Amino acid sequence: MLSSDFGRLVKEIELINDSSADWFHLDVMDGVFVPNITFGSPVLEIFKKFSKKPLDIHLMIVEPEKFIDKFSNYKPQTLTIHIEATKNLKSSLNKIKKLNIKAGLAINPDTPVLDLEPYLDEIDMVCLMGVFPGFSGQKFIKSTTQRLKELRKLIDKNKSNTLIQIDGGVDLSNIKELASAGADILVSGSCIFSSENPNSMIDSLKVESST
C-alpha cells in the first residue's frame, strides 16, 4: 500500500477490498533503519477500520521489540521485523507469537540467506527483499531469484513450514519465475497502483503466479 494514493486512502483500501488480492501489505519505516519515513498509528487505524482483508505489517524500524505491543493493537495477521534491526531477535519473535500473531522475519538483499537458519522453526514467514528497503517503485534485484532458490532449499532441508514472501520489484515480468522458484507470497505495489486498471492488474498477477 506504500504505492497507493494516501490523499484518497479509504477509496484505495476499498479498491483492494473489492479486488482478488489476499492481504494488505503495510510498510512502516522510521527514517533510521531505512532512509525514509512512511506512516504510523493514525494511518494504521484507518486500515484497521476499513480493511476487509488481513493486515500484513512490515516493520522497517530499529529496535522493533519496543513497539510490538503497539502494533499488535491493529490486529495484524502477520507482523514482520528485520533480522538486521535488533539484537533481541529471538525474544522479539517469541513475543509476537505469544500475541497470537504470525511472526515474519525480513532479510535485506546484502544479508546472507544462511543467517535465517537458526530462526526457521520460530517464524511463520520469511520476507525476502527484492530491493533495498526504503522506497517504492525500485527495480527488482535480479540476484534475488537465486537467493530465493537458496532459501527454498534451506527451508526444505530443515523441514520447516515457513512461507517465503518476496517484497520489492515484483511485477508481470518476474512473478511467474518467482512463484516457480518457490515463493509462496508475492508483494506488488507500484505495478498495481500505477496501472490504468489496478483490479485487472491484480488479476493478471495472480494468473501469472499460478501458471
N, C-alpha and C. Protein backbone atom coordinates (compact mmCIF):
# COMPACT_ATOMS: atom_id res chain seq x y z
N MET A 1 0.82 -1.22 0.00
CA MET A 1 0.00 0.00 0.00
C MET A 1 0.85 1.27 0.00
N LEU A 2 2.16 1.15 0.12
CA LEU A 2 3.03 2.32 0.10
C LEU A 2 2.89 3.08 -1.22
N SER A 3 2.54 2.37 -2.28
CA SER A 3 2.43 2.99 -3.60
C SER A 3 1.05 3.58 -3.86
N SER A 4 0.14 3.43 -2.93
CA SER A 4 -1.22 3.94 -3.12
C SER A 4 -1.27 5.45 -2.93
N ASP A 5 -2.40 6.04 -3.28
CA ASP A 5 -2.61 7.48 -3.14
C ASP A 5 -3.18 7.74 -1.74
N PHE A 6 -2.36 8.27 -0.84
CA PHE A 6 -2.80 8.48 0.54
C PHE A 6 -3.77 9.65 0.66
N GLY A 7 -3.91 10.43 -0.41
CA GLY A 7 -4.89 11.50 -0.40
C GLY A 7 -6.32 10.98 -0.55
N ARG A 8 -6.43 9.74 -0.99
CA ARG A 8 -7.75 9.10 -1.12
C ARG A 8 -7.64 7.67 -0.57
N LEU A 9 -7.09 7.59 0.63
CA LEU A 9 -6.71 6.30 1.19
C LEU A 9 -7.89 5.35 1.37
N VAL A 10 -9.00 5.86 1.87
CA VAL A 10 -10.15 4.97 2.09
C VAL A 10 -10.61 4.35 0.78
N LYS A 11 -10.62 5.15 -0.29
CA LYS A 11 -11.02 4.60 -1.59
C LYS A 11 -10.02 3.58 -2.10
N GLU A 12 -8.74 3.80 -1.81
CA GLU A 12 -7.70 2.84 -2.21
C GLU A 12 -7.87 1.53 -1.43
N ILE A 13 -8.23 1.64 -0.17
CA ILE A 13 -8.49 0.44 0.65
C ILE A 13 -9.70 -0.30 0.09
N GLU A 14 -10.74 0.44 -0.25
CA GLU A 14 -11.95 -0.18 -0.80
C GLU A 14 -11.64 -0.87 -2.13
N LEU A 15 -10.74 -0.27 -2.91
CA LEU A 15 -10.34 -0.87 -4.18
C LEU A 15 -9.73 -2.26 -3.94
N ILE A 16 -8.84 -2.34 -2.96
CA ILE A 16 -8.21 -3.63 -2.65
C ILE A 16 -9.21 -4.59 -2.01
N ASN A 17 -10.10 -4.06 -1.18
CA ASN A 17 -11.15 -4.91 -0.61
C ASN A 17 -11.95 -5.61 -1.71
N ASP A 18 -12.20 -4.90 -2.79
CA ASP A 18 -13.03 -5.42 -3.87
C ASP A 18 -12.23 -6.21 -4.92
N SER A 19 -10.93 -6.32 -4.72
CA SER A 19 -10.07 -6.99 -5.69
C SER A 19 -9.83 -8.45 -5.29
N SER A 20 -9.04 -9.14 -6.11
CA SER A 20 -8.69 -10.53 -5.81
C SER A 20 -7.42 -10.64 -4.96
N ALA A 21 -6.87 -9.50 -4.52
CA ALA A 21 -5.70 -9.52 -3.64
C ALA A 21 -6.06 -10.21 -2.32
N ASP A 22 -5.08 -10.82 -1.69
CA ASP A 22 -5.34 -11.58 -0.47
C ASP A 22 -5.09 -10.80 0.81
N TRP A 23 -4.08 -9.92 0.80
CA TRP A 23 -3.68 -9.19 2.00
C TRP A 23 -3.46 -7.71 1.70
N PHE A 24 -3.38 -6.92 2.76
CA PHE A 24 -2.85 -5.57 2.70
C PHE A 24 -1.43 -5.63 3.26
N HIS A 25 -0.44 -5.25 2.46
CA HIS A 25 0.94 -5.22 2.93
C HIS A 25 1.30 -3.78 3.28
N LEU A 26 1.66 -3.53 4.54
CA LEU A 26 1.85 -2.18 5.05
C LEU A 26 3.29 -1.99 5.53
N ASP A 27 4.02 -1.10 4.86
CA ASP A 27 5.42 -0.85 5.19
C ASP A 27 5.54 0.33 6.16
N VAL A 28 5.99 0.04 7.37
CA VAL A 28 6.20 1.08 8.38
C VAL A 28 7.70 1.37 8.46
N MET A 29 8.10 2.59 8.12
CA MET A 29 9.52 2.98 8.09
C MET A 29 9.79 4.13 9.05
N ASP A 30 10.95 4.08 9.68
CA ASP A 30 11.24 5.05 10.75
C ASP A 30 12.26 6.12 10.39
N GLY A 31 12.84 6.07 9.18
CA GLY A 31 13.84 7.06 8.82
C GLY A 31 15.20 6.80 9.45
N VAL A 32 15.32 5.70 10.19
CA VAL A 32 16.58 5.33 10.82
C VAL A 32 17.10 4.01 10.22
N PHE A 33 16.29 2.97 10.31
CA PHE A 33 16.68 1.70 9.71
C PHE A 33 16.71 1.81 8.19
N VAL A 34 15.81 2.62 7.64
CA VAL A 34 15.78 2.90 6.20
C VAL A 34 15.72 4.42 6.01
N PRO A 35 16.16 4.91 4.84
CA PRO A 35 16.22 6.37 4.63
C PRO A 35 14.89 6.98 4.20
N ASN A 36 13.84 6.63 4.89
CA ASN A 36 12.53 7.18 4.55
C ASN A 36 11.61 7.02 5.76
N ILE A 37 10.61 7.86 5.86
CA ILE A 37 9.58 7.75 6.88
C ILE A 37 8.25 7.61 6.16
N THR A 38 7.45 6.63 6.56
CA THR A 38 6.18 6.43 5.87
C THR A 38 5.01 6.86 6.74
N PHE A 39 4.45 5.95 7.52
CA PHE A 39 3.27 6.28 8.31
C PHE A 39 3.29 5.51 9.62
N GLY A 40 2.42 5.94 10.53
CA GLY A 40 2.35 5.32 11.84
C GLY A 40 0.93 5.09 12.28
N SER A 41 0.67 5.31 13.54
CA SER A 41 -0.60 4.94 14.17
C SER A 41 -1.85 5.50 13.50
N PRO A 42 -1.93 6.79 13.17
CA PRO A 42 -3.18 7.31 12.59
C PRO A 42 -3.57 6.59 11.29
N VAL A 43 -2.59 6.30 10.45
CA VAL A 43 -2.87 5.63 9.18
C VAL A 43 -3.23 4.16 9.42
N LEU A 44 -2.54 3.52 10.34
CA LEU A 44 -2.85 2.12 10.64
C LEU A 44 -4.25 1.98 11.22
N GLU A 45 -4.69 2.97 11.96
CA GLU A 45 -6.07 2.95 12.48
C GLU A 45 -7.08 2.94 11.33
N ILE A 46 -6.76 3.65 10.26
CA ILE A 46 -7.65 3.69 9.10
C ILE A 46 -7.72 2.31 8.45
N PHE A 47 -6.57 1.66 8.33
CA PHE A 47 -6.57 0.31 7.76
C PHE A 47 -7.33 -0.66 8.64
N LYS A 48 -7.14 -0.54 9.93
CA LYS A 48 -7.85 -1.41 10.87
C LYS A 48 -9.36 -1.24 10.74
N LYS A 49 -9.79 -0.02 10.52
CA LYS A 49 -11.22 0.28 10.46
C LYS A 49 -11.85 -0.15 9.13
N PHE A 50 -11.16 0.05 8.02
CA PHE A 50 -11.80 -0.12 6.71
C PHE A 50 -11.38 -1.38 5.94
N SER A 51 -10.27 -1.99 6.31
CA SER A 51 -9.84 -3.16 5.55
C SER A 51 -10.70 -4.38 5.87
N LYS A 52 -10.99 -5.15 4.84
CA LYS A 52 -11.77 -6.37 4.99
C LYS A 52 -10.91 -7.61 4.75
N LYS A 53 -9.62 -7.38 4.62
CA LYS A 53 -8.67 -8.47 4.40
C LYS A 53 -7.55 -8.37 5.43
N PRO A 54 -6.83 -9.46 5.64
CA PRO A 54 -5.78 -9.47 6.68
C PRO A 54 -4.72 -8.40 6.45
N LEU A 55 -4.21 -7.87 7.55
CA LEU A 55 -3.13 -6.90 7.50
C LEU A 55 -1.79 -7.60 7.70
N ASP A 56 -0.86 -7.30 6.83
CA ASP A 56 0.50 -7.81 6.88
C ASP A 56 1.40 -6.61 7.13
N ILE A 57 1.78 -6.40 8.39
CA ILE A 57 2.54 -5.20 8.76
C ILE A 57 4.03 -5.52 8.76
N HIS A 58 4.77 -4.77 7.97
CA HIS A 58 6.20 -4.96 7.79
C HIS A 58 6.93 -3.80 8.47
N LEU A 59 7.60 -4.10 9.58
CA LEU A 59 8.28 -3.06 10.35
C LEU A 59 9.72 -2.89 9.87
N MET A 60 9.99 -1.78 9.21
CA MET A 60 11.35 -1.43 8.81
C MET A 60 11.85 -0.39 9.79
N ILE A 61 12.02 -0.83 11.03
CA ILE A 61 12.38 0.09 12.11
C ILE A 61 13.42 -0.55 13.01
N VAL A 62 14.22 0.28 13.67
CA VAL A 62 15.20 -0.23 14.63
C VAL A 62 14.49 -0.55 15.94
N GLU A 63 15.04 -1.50 16.66
CA GLU A 63 14.51 -1.93 17.96
C GLU A 63 13.00 -2.18 17.91
N PRO A 64 12.56 -3.03 16.99
CA PRO A 64 11.12 -3.28 16.85
C PRO A 64 10.49 -3.87 18.10
N GLU A 65 11.31 -4.48 18.96
CA GLU A 65 10.78 -5.09 20.19
C GLU A 65 10.06 -4.07 21.08
N LYS A 66 10.43 -2.79 20.95
CA LYS A 66 9.80 -1.75 21.76
C LYS A 66 8.37 -1.42 21.29
N PHE A 67 8.02 -1.88 20.09
CA PHE A 67 6.74 -1.46 19.50
C PHE A 67 5.81 -2.62 19.18
N ILE A 68 6.20 -3.84 19.52
CA ILE A 68 5.38 -5.00 19.18
C ILE A 68 3.99 -4.90 19.78
N ASP A 69 3.91 -4.54 21.07
CA ASP A 69 2.60 -4.41 21.72
C ASP A 69 1.75 -3.35 21.01
N LYS A 70 2.37 -2.25 20.65
CA LYS A 70 1.64 -1.16 19.99
C LYS A 70 1.06 -1.62 18.66
N PHE A 71 1.88 -2.30 17.85
CA PHE A 71 1.40 -2.72 16.54
C PHE A 71 0.45 -3.89 16.61
N SER A 72 0.48 -4.61 17.69
CA SER A 72 -0.48 -5.71 17.85
C SER A 72 -1.91 -5.18 17.98
N ASN A 73 -2.04 -3.91 18.40
CA ASN A 73 -3.36 -3.30 18.57
C ASN A 73 -4.12 -3.15 17.24
N TYR A 74 -3.39 -3.22 16.13
CA TYR A 74 -4.03 -3.07 14.83
C TYR A 74 -4.48 -4.41 14.25
N LYS A 75 -4.36 -5.45 15.08
CA LYS A 75 -4.86 -6.79 14.74
C LYS A 75 -4.29 -7.33 13.43
N PRO A 76 -2.97 -7.27 13.26
CA PRO A 76 -2.40 -7.82 12.02
C PRO A 76 -2.44 -9.35 12.02
N GLN A 77 -2.53 -9.91 10.84
CA GLN A 77 -2.38 -11.35 10.73
C GLN A 77 -0.91 -11.72 10.88
N THR A 78 -0.05 -10.88 10.29
CA THR A 78 1.40 -11.11 10.32
C THR A 78 2.10 -9.82 10.71
N LEU A 79 3.12 -9.96 11.55
CA LEU A 79 3.96 -8.83 11.93
C LEU A 79 5.40 -9.23 11.61
N THR A 80 6.03 -8.48 10.72
CA THR A 80 7.38 -8.83 10.25
C THR A 80 8.40 -7.83 10.76
N ILE A 81 9.50 -8.34 11.28
CA ILE A 81 10.62 -7.50 11.70
C ILE A 81 11.85 -7.90 10.90
N HIS A 82 12.86 -7.04 10.89
CA HIS A 82 14.07 -7.31 10.12
C HIS A 82 15.14 -7.99 10.96
N ILE A 83 15.78 -8.97 10.34
CA ILE A 83 16.86 -9.69 11.02
C ILE A 83 18.01 -8.73 11.36
N GLU A 84 18.15 -7.65 10.59
CA GLU A 84 19.25 -6.71 10.79
C GLU A 84 18.93 -5.62 11.82
N ALA A 85 17.68 -5.57 12.32
CA ALA A 85 17.22 -4.39 13.04
C ALA A 85 17.26 -4.49 14.57
N THR A 86 17.57 -5.67 15.09
CA THR A 86 17.52 -5.83 16.55
C THR A 86 18.54 -6.84 17.04
N LYS A 87 18.99 -6.64 18.26
CA LYS A 87 19.88 -7.60 18.91
C LYS A 87 19.08 -8.59 19.75
N ASN A 88 17.77 -8.39 19.80
CA ASN A 88 16.90 -9.25 20.62
C ASN A 88 15.92 -10.00 19.71
N LEU A 89 16.48 -10.68 18.73
CA LEU A 89 15.65 -11.27 17.68
C LEU A 89 14.75 -12.38 18.20
N LYS A 90 15.32 -13.34 18.91
CA LYS A 90 14.53 -14.49 19.35
C LYS A 90 13.43 -14.07 20.32
N SER A 91 13.75 -13.20 21.24
CA SER A 91 12.74 -12.77 22.20
C SER A 91 11.65 -11.95 21.51
N SER A 92 12.02 -11.18 20.49
CA SER A 92 11.04 -10.39 19.75
C SER A 92 10.09 -11.29 18.99
N LEU A 93 10.63 -12.32 18.35
CA LEU A 93 9.79 -13.26 17.60
C LEU A 93 8.85 -14.01 18.55
N ASN A 94 9.38 -14.40 19.69
CA ASN A 94 8.55 -15.11 20.68
C ASN A 94 7.43 -14.22 21.19
N LYS A 95 7.72 -12.94 21.36
CA LYS A 95 6.70 -12.00 21.85
C LYS A 95 5.58 -11.87 20.84
N ILE A 96 5.92 -11.80 19.56
CA ILE A 96 4.90 -11.72 18.51
C ILE A 96 4.02 -12.95 18.54
N LYS A 97 4.64 -14.11 18.65
CA LYS A 97 3.89 -15.38 18.64
C LYS A 97 2.97 -15.49 19.85
N LYS A 98 3.42 -15.01 20.98
CA LYS A 98 2.61 -15.07 22.20
C LYS A 98 1.36 -14.20 22.10
N LEU A 99 1.39 -13.23 21.21
CA LEU A 99 0.24 -12.36 20.99
C LEU A 99 -0.71 -12.95 19.94
N ASN A 100 -0.45 -14.21 19.57
CA ASN A 100 -1.27 -14.91 18.57
C ASN A 100 -1.24 -14.22 17.21
N ILE A 101 -0.07 -13.68 16.88
CA ILE A 101 0.18 -13.06 15.59
C ILE A 101 1.27 -13.88 14.89
N LYS A 102 1.13 -14.06 13.60
CA LYS A 102 2.16 -14.79 12.86
C LYS A 102 3.42 -13.93 12.77
N ALA A 103 4.56 -14.57 12.99
CA ALA A 103 5.83 -13.84 13.03
C ALA A 103 6.55 -13.96 11.69
N GLY A 104 6.89 -12.80 11.13
CA GLY A 104 7.67 -12.76 9.89
C GLY A 104 9.05 -12.21 10.17
N LEU A 105 10.03 -12.68 9.38
CA LEU A 105 11.40 -12.21 9.52
C LEU A 105 11.89 -11.77 8.14
N ALA A 106 12.17 -10.48 8.00
CA ALA A 106 12.62 -9.92 6.72
C ALA A 106 14.13 -9.90 6.64
N ILE A 107 14.63 -10.00 5.41
CA ILE A 107 16.08 -10.03 5.20
C ILE A 107 16.44 -9.16 4.00
N ASN A 108 17.42 -8.29 4.18
CA ASN A 108 17.83 -7.37 3.13
C ASN A 108 18.67 -8.09 2.06
N PRO A 109 18.78 -7.49 0.87
CA PRO A 109 19.50 -8.14 -0.22
C PRO A 109 20.96 -8.44 0.03
N ASP A 110 21.60 -7.74 0.96
CA ASP A 110 23.02 -7.97 1.22
C ASP A 110 23.28 -8.81 2.47
N THR A 111 22.24 -9.39 3.06
CA THR A 111 22.38 -10.26 4.21
C THR A 111 22.33 -11.71 3.75
N PRO A 112 23.31 -12.55 4.14
CA PRO A 112 23.33 -13.94 3.69
C PRO A 112 22.06 -14.70 4.08
N VAL A 113 21.50 -15.44 3.14
CA VAL A 113 20.30 -16.23 3.41
C VAL A 113 20.54 -17.22 4.54
N LEU A 114 21.75 -17.72 4.64
CA LEU A 114 22.07 -18.72 5.68
C LEU A 114 21.87 -18.17 7.09
N ASP A 115 21.89 -16.85 7.25
CA ASP A 115 21.68 -16.24 8.57
C ASP A 115 20.28 -16.54 9.12
N LEU A 116 19.36 -16.93 8.24
CA LEU A 116 17.99 -17.22 8.66
C LEU A 116 17.84 -18.58 9.33
N GLU A 117 18.77 -19.48 9.09
CA GLU A 117 18.60 -20.88 9.50
C GLU A 117 18.27 -21.07 10.99
N PRO A 118 18.93 -20.34 11.91
CA PRO A 118 18.62 -20.55 13.34
C PRO A 118 17.19 -20.18 13.73
N TYR A 119 16.48 -19.47 12.86
CA TYR A 119 15.16 -18.95 13.23
C TYR A 119 14.01 -19.61 12.47
N LEU A 120 14.30 -20.54 11.60
CA LEU A 120 13.27 -21.11 10.74
C LEU A 120 12.16 -21.82 11.52
N ASP A 121 12.51 -22.38 12.67
CA ASP A 121 11.49 -23.06 13.48
C ASP A 121 10.66 -22.10 14.33
N GLU A 122 11.05 -20.82 14.33
CA GLU A 122 10.38 -19.85 15.19
C GLU A 122 9.55 -18.83 14.42
N ILE A 123 9.57 -18.92 13.10
CA ILE A 123 8.86 -17.94 12.30
C ILE A 123 7.85 -18.61 11.37
N ASP A 124 6.88 -17.83 10.94
CA ASP A 124 5.86 -18.32 10.01
C ASP A 124 6.17 -17.93 8.58
N MET A 125 6.99 -16.90 8.42
CA MET A 125 7.26 -16.38 7.09
C MET A 125 8.61 -15.68 7.02
N VAL A 126 9.31 -15.86 5.91
CA VAL A 126 10.49 -15.07 5.59
C VAL A 126 10.10 -14.06 4.53
N CYS A 127 10.42 -12.81 4.76
CA CYS A 127 10.20 -11.76 3.77
C CYS A 127 11.55 -11.47 3.11
N LEU A 128 11.73 -12.04 1.92
CA LEU A 128 12.97 -11.87 1.17
C LEU A 128 12.86 -10.61 0.32
N MET A 129 13.66 -9.61 0.65
CA MET A 129 13.56 -8.33 -0.04
C MET A 129 14.16 -8.42 -1.45
N GLY A 130 13.37 -7.95 -2.43
CA GLY A 130 13.84 -7.90 -3.81
C GLY A 130 14.47 -6.57 -4.17
N VAL A 131 14.45 -5.64 -3.21
CA VAL A 131 15.07 -4.32 -3.34
C VAL A 131 15.61 -3.96 -1.96
N PHE A 132 16.44 -2.92 -1.91
CA PHE A 132 16.84 -2.40 -0.60
C PHE A 132 15.68 -1.57 -0.07
N PRO A 133 15.22 -1.86 1.14
CA PRO A 133 14.02 -1.21 1.64
C PRO A 133 14.18 0.30 1.83
N GLY A 134 13.07 1.01 1.62
CA GLY A 134 13.07 2.44 1.83
C GLY A 134 12.13 3.19 0.91
N PHE A 135 12.04 2.74 -0.35
CA PHE A 135 11.22 3.46 -1.31
C PHE A 135 10.50 2.50 -2.23
N SER A 136 9.29 2.87 -2.63
CA SER A 136 8.53 2.05 -3.57
C SER A 136 8.99 2.35 -4.99
N GLY A 137 8.66 1.45 -5.91
CA GLY A 137 8.96 1.67 -7.32
C GLY A 137 10.37 1.33 -7.74
N GLN A 138 11.15 0.68 -6.88
CA GLN A 138 12.51 0.33 -7.24
C GLN A 138 12.55 -0.87 -8.18
N LYS A 139 13.64 -0.98 -8.93
CA LYS A 139 13.82 -2.08 -9.86
C LYS A 139 14.25 -3.34 -9.11
N PHE A 140 13.67 -4.46 -9.50
CA PHE A 140 13.95 -5.75 -8.88
C PHE A 140 15.42 -6.12 -9.03
N ILE A 141 16.04 -6.55 -7.93
CA ILE A 141 17.44 -7.00 -7.95
C ILE A 141 17.46 -8.45 -8.43
N LYS A 142 18.06 -8.70 -9.58
CA LYS A 142 17.96 -10.00 -10.24
C LYS A 142 18.53 -11.14 -9.41
N SER A 143 19.53 -10.86 -8.59
CA SER A 143 20.13 -11.91 -7.76
C SER A 143 19.15 -12.45 -6.72
N THR A 144 18.03 -11.76 -6.53
CA THR A 144 17.02 -12.21 -5.57
C THR A 144 16.47 -13.58 -5.96
N THR A 145 16.37 -13.85 -7.24
CA THR A 145 15.84 -15.14 -7.68
C THR A 145 16.73 -16.28 -7.23
N GLN A 146 18.03 -16.10 -7.34
CA GLN A 146 18.96 -17.13 -6.86
C GLN A 146 18.90 -17.26 -5.35
N ARG A 147 18.76 -16.14 -4.67
CA ARG A 147 18.63 -16.17 -3.21
C ARG A 147 17.34 -16.90 -2.80
N LEU A 148 16.30 -16.70 -3.58
CA LEU A 148 15.04 -17.40 -3.33
C LEU A 148 15.23 -18.91 -3.44
N LYS A 149 15.92 -19.36 -4.47
CA LYS A 149 16.17 -20.78 -4.64
C LYS A 149 17.00 -21.34 -3.49
N GLU A 150 17.98 -20.56 -3.05
CA GLU A 150 18.81 -20.96 -1.91
C GLU A 150 17.97 -21.08 -0.64
N LEU A 151 17.07 -20.11 -0.44
CA LEU A 151 16.20 -20.12 0.73
C LEU A 151 15.23 -21.29 0.69
N ARG A 152 14.69 -21.57 -0.50
CA ARG A 152 13.77 -22.70 -0.65
C ARG A 152 14.45 -24.00 -0.24
N LYS A 153 15.70 -24.19 -0.66
CA LYS A 153 16.46 -25.39 -0.30
C LYS A 153 16.72 -25.44 1.20
N LEU A 154 17.02 -24.29 1.78
CA LEU A 154 17.31 -24.22 3.21
C LEU A 154 16.08 -24.59 4.03
N ILE A 155 14.93 -24.08 3.64
CA ILE A 155 13.68 -24.39 4.35
C ILE A 155 13.33 -25.86 4.21
N ASP A 156 13.48 -26.38 3.00
CA ASP A 156 13.17 -27.80 2.77
C ASP A 156 14.13 -28.70 3.55
N LYS A 157 15.39 -28.32 3.60
CA LYS A 157 16.39 -29.11 4.33
C LYS A 157 16.06 -29.19 5.81
N ASN A 158 15.55 -28.09 6.35
CA ASN A 158 15.20 -28.04 7.77
C ASN A 158 13.78 -28.54 8.05
N LYS A 159 13.09 -28.98 6.99
CA LYS A 159 11.71 -29.48 7.10
C LYS A 159 10.82 -28.46 7.82
N SER A 160 11.00 -27.23 7.44
CA SER A 160 10.25 -26.13 8.04
C SER A 160 9.00 -25.82 7.22
N ASN A 161 7.98 -25.31 7.89
CA ASN A 161 6.75 -24.89 7.21
C ASN A 161 6.74 -23.39 6.91
N THR A 162 7.87 -22.75 7.11
CA THR A 162 7.97 -21.31 6.89
C THR A 162 7.65 -20.94 5.45
N LEU A 163 6.79 -19.95 5.27
CA LEU A 163 6.45 -19.46 3.94
C LEU A 163 7.48 -18.43 3.48
N ILE A 164 7.60 -18.30 2.17
CA ILE A 164 8.52 -17.31 1.59
C ILE A 164 7.72 -16.21 0.91
N GLN A 165 7.99 -14.98 1.32
CA GLN A 165 7.37 -13.80 0.72
C GLN A 165 8.46 -13.01 -0.01
N ILE A 166 8.16 -12.56 -1.22
CA ILE A 166 9.06 -11.68 -1.96
C ILE A 166 8.45 -10.28 -1.97
N ASP A 167 9.24 -9.30 -1.55
CA ASP A 167 8.75 -7.93 -1.42
C ASP A 167 9.71 -6.99 -2.13
N GLY A 168 9.21 -6.30 -3.15
CA GLY A 168 10.02 -5.31 -3.84
C GLY A 168 10.28 -5.66 -5.29
N GLY A 169 9.78 -4.83 -6.19
CA GLY A 169 10.07 -5.02 -7.61
C GLY A 169 9.31 -6.13 -8.29
N VAL A 170 8.29 -6.66 -7.64
CA VAL A 170 7.52 -7.76 -8.23
C VAL A 170 6.52 -7.20 -9.23
N ASP A 171 6.55 -7.73 -10.47
CA ASP A 171 5.59 -7.30 -11.50
C ASP A 171 5.38 -8.44 -12.48
N LEU A 172 4.72 -8.16 -13.59
CA LEU A 172 4.40 -9.22 -14.56
C LEU A 172 5.63 -9.82 -15.22
N SER A 173 6.75 -9.10 -15.19
CA SER A 173 7.96 -9.60 -15.85
C SER A 173 8.67 -10.70 -15.06
N ASN A 174 8.38 -10.80 -13.76
CA ASN A 174 9.13 -11.77 -12.95
C ASN A 174 8.27 -12.63 -12.03
N ILE A 175 6.99 -12.34 -11.92
CA ILE A 175 6.18 -13.02 -10.90
C ILE A 175 6.06 -14.52 -11.17
N LYS A 176 5.98 -14.91 -12.43
CA LYS A 176 5.87 -16.33 -12.76
C LYS A 176 7.13 -17.08 -12.36
N GLU A 177 8.29 -16.50 -12.66
CA GLU A 177 9.56 -17.13 -12.31
C GLU A 177 9.73 -17.24 -10.80
N LEU A 178 9.32 -16.22 -10.08
CA LEU A 178 9.45 -16.23 -8.63
C LEU A 178 8.56 -17.29 -8.00
N ALA A 179 7.35 -17.42 -8.51
CA ALA A 179 6.45 -18.45 -8.00
C ALA A 179 7.00 -19.84 -8.29
N SER A 180 7.56 -20.02 -9.48
CA SER A 180 8.12 -21.32 -9.86
C SER A 180 9.35 -21.66 -9.03
N ALA A 181 10.07 -20.64 -8.60
CA ALA A 181 11.29 -20.86 -7.82
C ALA A 181 11.02 -21.13 -6.34
N GLY A 182 9.74 -21.00 -5.93
CA GLY A 182 9.42 -21.37 -4.56
C GLY A 182 8.79 -20.31 -3.69
N ALA A 183 8.48 -19.14 -4.26
CA ALA A 183 7.83 -18.09 -3.47
C ALA A 183 6.37 -18.46 -3.21
N ASP A 184 5.92 -18.24 -1.98
CA ASP A 184 4.54 -18.52 -1.59
C ASP A 184 3.67 -17.28 -1.62
N ILE A 185 4.27 -16.12 -1.31
CA ILE A 185 3.54 -14.85 -1.19
C ILE A 185 4.31 -13.80 -1.98
N LEU A 186 3.62 -13.06 -2.82
CA LEU A 186 4.26 -12.07 -3.67
C LEU A 186 3.64 -10.70 -3.44
N VAL A 187 4.47 -9.75 -3.05
CA VAL A 187 4.01 -8.40 -2.74
C VAL A 187 4.27 -7.50 -3.94
N SER A 188 3.23 -6.82 -4.40
CA SER A 188 3.39 -5.89 -5.52
C SER A 188 2.68 -4.60 -5.18
N GLY A 189 3.33 -3.48 -5.46
CA GLY A 189 2.75 -2.19 -5.11
C GLY A 189 2.65 -1.25 -6.29
N SER A 190 3.78 -0.69 -6.72
CA SER A 190 3.76 0.31 -7.79
C SER A 190 3.24 -0.27 -9.09
N CYS A 191 3.49 -1.54 -9.34
CA CYS A 191 2.98 -2.22 -10.54
C CYS A 191 1.45 -2.13 -10.59
N ILE A 192 0.83 -2.23 -9.43
CA ILE A 192 -0.64 -2.21 -9.34
C ILE A 192 -1.17 -0.79 -9.40
N PHE A 193 -0.66 0.07 -8.53
CA PHE A 193 -1.25 1.41 -8.41
C PHE A 193 -0.86 2.36 -9.53
N SER A 194 0.14 1.99 -10.34
CA SER A 194 0.49 2.82 -11.49
C SER A 194 -0.21 2.37 -12.76
N SER A 195 -0.95 1.27 -12.68
CA SER A 195 -1.64 0.75 -13.85
C SER A 195 -2.97 1.47 -14.05
N GLU A 196 -3.49 1.44 -15.27
CA GLU A 196 -4.75 2.10 -15.57
C GLU A 196 -5.92 1.41 -14.88
N ASN A 197 -5.79 0.09 -14.69
CA ASN A 197 -6.85 -0.68 -14.05
C ASN A 197 -6.23 -1.57 -12.98
N PRO A 198 -6.11 -1.07 -11.74
CA PRO A 198 -5.45 -1.84 -10.68
C PRO A 198 -6.06 -3.22 -10.44
N ASN A 199 -7.37 -3.32 -10.47
CA ASN A 199 -8.01 -4.62 -10.23
C ASN A 199 -7.65 -5.63 -11.31
N SER A 200 -7.62 -5.16 -12.54
CA SER A 200 -7.24 -6.03 -13.65
C SER A 200 -5.78 -6.46 -13.53
N MET A 201 -4.93 -5.54 -13.09
CA MET A 201 -3.51 -5.87 -12.89
C MET A 201 -3.35 -6.92 -11.81
N ILE A 202 -4.08 -6.80 -10.72
CA ILE A 202 -4.02 -7.80 -9.65
C ILE A 202 -4.44 -9.17 -10.18
N ASP A 203 -5.50 -9.19 -10.96
CA ASP A 203 -5.95 -10.44 -11.56
C ASP A 203 -4.86 -11.05 -12.45
N SER A 204 -4.21 -10.22 -13.23
CA SER A 204 -3.16 -10.71 -14.13
C SER A 204 -1.98 -11.26 -13.34
N LEU A 205 -1.60 -10.57 -12.28
CA LEU A 205 -0.50 -11.04 -11.43
C LEU A 205 -0.83 -12.39 -10.81
N LYS A 206 -2.05 -12.55 -10.37
CA LYS A 206 -2.45 -13.80 -9.74
C LYS A 206 -2.47 -14.94 -10.76
N VAL A 207 -2.92 -14.65 -11.97
CA VAL A 207 -2.92 -15.68 -13.02
C VAL A 207 -1.50 -16.11 -13.35
N GLU A 208 -0.62 -15.14 -13.53
CA GLU A 208 0.78 -15.44 -13.87
C GLU A 208 1.47 -16.25 -12.77
N SER A 209 1.17 -15.94 -11.52
CA SER A 209 1.84 -16.61 -10.41
C SER A 209 1.33 -18.04 -10.20
N SER A 210 0.19 -18.35 -10.78
CA SER A 210 -0.38 -19.67 -10.56
C SER A 210 -0.25 -20.62 -11.75
N THR A 211 0.38 -20.11 -12.84
CA THR A 211 0.53 -20.95 -14.03
C THR A 211 1.94 -21.52 -14.15
